[in-house]
């Protein structure tokens, strides 16, 4: 748990946090991209959605490491996307999904979003580690 006793007047209030609007934009972007079959828009929306959910959970003190949570979210995107892509291409028939069409491109968007989310979380984590190392040396 996080100690909130050291908060200052300059800390954001709950009403000023950006997460709700980012979750909404991520969902809208992903849905528009999937429905219109614009893979880059769908990928961007899914990445924003995953990062926003990780941010909300971190702010609410449900997770201690939001980057690790975002990477796990990305891994879930990859698994579900791979299943949808495999079904859409006919490599893995899944009976309940038979009446649906266009699953290959939707699955591809999920796989790409998962990869971008995992790589992005790793990149941010490595940058933070570098910044912490520089601050430690300067102190």
Protein backbone atom coordinates (compact mmCIF):
# COMPACT_ATOMS: atom_id res chain seq x y z
CA UNK A 1 0.00 0.00 0.00
CA UNK A 2 1.05 3.55 -0.55
CA UNK A 3 1.49 6.07 2.25
CA UNK A 4 -0.79 9.01 1.47
CA UNK A 5 0.25 11.06 4.50
CA UNK A 6 2.93 12.87 2.52
CA UNK A 7 0.64 14.34 -0.10
CA UNK A 8 1.02 18.04 -0.75
CA UNK A 9 -1.35 20.74 -1.91
CA UNK A 10 0.04 20.42 -5.45
CA UNK A 11 -0.98 16.76 -5.80
CA UNK A 12 -3.87 16.19 -8.18
CA UNK A 13 -7.30 15.61 -6.80
CA UNK A 14 -9.30 12.62 -7.96
CA UNK A 15 -11.39 14.83 -10.25
CA UNK A 16 -8.31 16.06 -12.12
CA UNK A 17 -6.89 12.68 -13.13
CA UNK A 18 -6.86 11.98 -16.87
CA UNK A 19 -7.63 8.25 -16.75
CA UNK A 20 -11.41 8.24 -17.39
CA UNK A 21 -11.13 10.24 -20.60
CA UNK A 22 -8.17 8.15 -21.77
CA UNK A 23 -10.08 4.92 -21.15
CA UNK A 24 -12.98 6.31 -23.19
CA UNK A 25 -10.71 7.46 -26.02
CA UNK A 26 -8.92 4.11 -26.03
CA UNK A 27 -12.17 2.17 -26.27
CA UNK A 28 -13.56 4.44 -28.98
CA UNK A 29 -10.34 4.29 -30.98
CA UNK A 30 -10.10 0.53 -30.77
CA UNK A 31 -13.75 -0.01 -31.70
CA UNK A 32 -13.64 2.42 -34.62
CA UNK A 33 -10.42 0.87 -35.86
CA UNK A 34 -11.82 -2.65 -35.62
CA UNK A 35 -15.21 -1.86 -37.18
CA UNK A 36 -13.79 0.19 -40.06
CA UNK A 37 -10.82 -2.21 -40.39
CA UNK A 38 -8.17 0.44 -39.74
CA UNK A 39 -5.54 -1.62 -37.94
CA UNK A 40 -3.33 1.34 -36.85
CA UNK A 41 -6.30 3.10 -35.22
CA UNK A 42 -7.38 -0.12 -33.49
CA UNK A 43 -3.84 -0.78 -32.24
CA UNK A 44 -3.45 2.77 -30.93
CA UNK A 45 -6.81 2.63 -29.17
CA UNK A 46 -6.03 -0.71 -27.54
CA UNK A 47 -2.62 0.49 -26.34
CA UNK A 48 -4.15 3.66 -24.85
CA UNK A 49 -6.86 1.54 -23.21
CA UNK A 50 -4.34 -0.88 -21.65
CA UNK A 51 -2.11 1.93 -20.38
CA UNK A 52 -5.10 3.81 -18.96
CA UNK A 53 -6.43 0.79 -17.09
CA UNK A 54 -2.96 0.22 -15.63
CA UNK A 55 -2.86 3.89 -14.60
CA UNK A 56 -6.27 3.77 -12.96
CA UNK A 57 -5.37 0.65 -11.00
CA UNK A 58 -2.06 2.18 -9.91
CA UNK A 59 -3.75 5.39 -8.75
CA UNK A 60 -6.31 3.36 -6.81
CA UNK A 61 -3.46 1.37 -5.21
CA UNK A 62 -4.70 -1.94 -6.62
CA UNK A 63 -1.38 -2.61 -8.34
CA UNK A 64 2.10 -1.62 -7.23
CA UNK A 65 3.73 -2.00 -10.65
CA UNK A 66 1.54 -0.60 -13.42
CA UNK A 67 4.10 -1.32 -16.14
CA UNK A 68 4.09 -5.01 -15.27
CA UNK A 69 0.29 -4.97 -15.29
CA UNK A 70 0.27 -3.26 -18.70
CA UNK A 71 2.67 -5.90 -20.03
CA UNK A 72 0.35 -8.66 -18.76
CA UNK A 73 -2.57 -6.88 -20.42
CA UNK A 74 -0.52 -6.88 -23.63
CA UNK A 75 0.19 -10.59 -23.26
CA UNK A 76 -3.56 -11.23 -22.95
CA UNK A 77 -4.08 -9.22 -26.15
CA UNK A 78 -1.50 -11.40 -27.92
CA UNK A 79 -3.09 -14.68 -26.77
CA UNK A 80 -6.66 -13.69 -27.65
CA UNK A 81 -5.54 -12.09 -30.91
CA UNK A 82 -3.58 -15.18 -31.91
CA UNK A 83 -6.63 -17.36 -31.30
CA UNK A 84 -8.85 -15.04 -33.36
CA UNK A 85 -6.28 -14.87 -36.16
CA UNK A 86 -5.86 -18.65 -36.19
CA UNK A 87 -9.61 -19.11 -36.39
CA UNK A 88 -10.02 -16.40 -39.02
CA UNK A 89 -7.42 -18.00 -41.28
CA UNK A 90 -8.86 -21.48 -40.80
CA UNK A 91 -5.85 -22.86 -38.95
CA UNK A 92 -7.82 -23.45 -35.73
CA UNK A 93 -11.58 -23.88 -36.09
CA UNK A 94 -13.49 -22.70 -33.00
CA UNK A 95 -17.15 -23.73 -33.25
CA UNK A 96 -18.78 -20.80 -31.37
CA UNK A 97 -16.92 -18.33 -33.60
CA UNK A 98 -18.01 -19.91 -36.91
CA UNK A 99 -20.78 -17.39 -37.74
CA UNK A 100 -18.42 -14.42 -37.28
CA UNK A 101 -16.41 -12.91 -40.12
CA UNK A 102 -13.33 -10.69 -40.28
CA UNK A 103 -11.70 -12.25 -37.28
CA UNK A 104 -8.26 -12.50 -38.90
CA UNK A 105 -7.80 -8.72 -39.17
CA UNK A 106 -9.28 -8.15 -35.72
CA UNK A 107 -7.01 -10.77 -34.25
CA UNK A 108 -4.03 -9.21 -36.02
CA UNK A 109 -4.91 -5.82 -34.48
CA UNK A 110 -5.02 -7.43 -31.02
CA UNK A 111 -1.68 -9.19 -31.53
CA UNK A 112 -0.02 -5.98 -32.72
CA UNK A 113 -1.53 -3.99 -29.85
CA UNK A 114 -0.26 -6.58 -27.40
CA UNK A 115 3.24 -6.45 -28.83
CA UNK A 116 3.28 -2.64 -28.79
CA UNK A 117 1.98 -2.61 -25.21
CA UNK A 118 4.61 -5.10 -24.01
CA UNK A 119 7.46 -3.34 -25.82
CA UNK A 120 6.23 0.07 -24.64
CA UNK A 121 6.04 -1.04 -21.02
CA UNK A 122 9.55 -2.48 -21.27
CA UNK A 123 10.85 0.70 -22.87
CA UNK A 124 9.32 2.94 -20.20
CA UNK A 125 10.65 0.66 -17.48
CA UNK A 126 14.19 0.74 -18.92
CA UNK A 127 14.04 4.54 -19.27
CA UNK A 128 12.94 4.90 -15.67
CA UNK A 129 15.74 2.59 -14.55
CA UNK A 130 18.25 4.71 -16.49
CA UNK A 131 16.85 7.91 -14.99
CA UNK A 132 17.01 6.44 -11.49
CA UNK A 133 20.61 5.40 -12.10
CA UNK A 134 21.57 8.90 -13.25
CA UNK A 135 19.83 10.48 -10.23
CA UNK A 136 21.65 8.10 -7.89
CA UNK A 137 25.04 8.98 -9.41
CA UNK A 138 24.32 12.71 -9.26
CA UNK A 139 23.25 12.61 -5.60
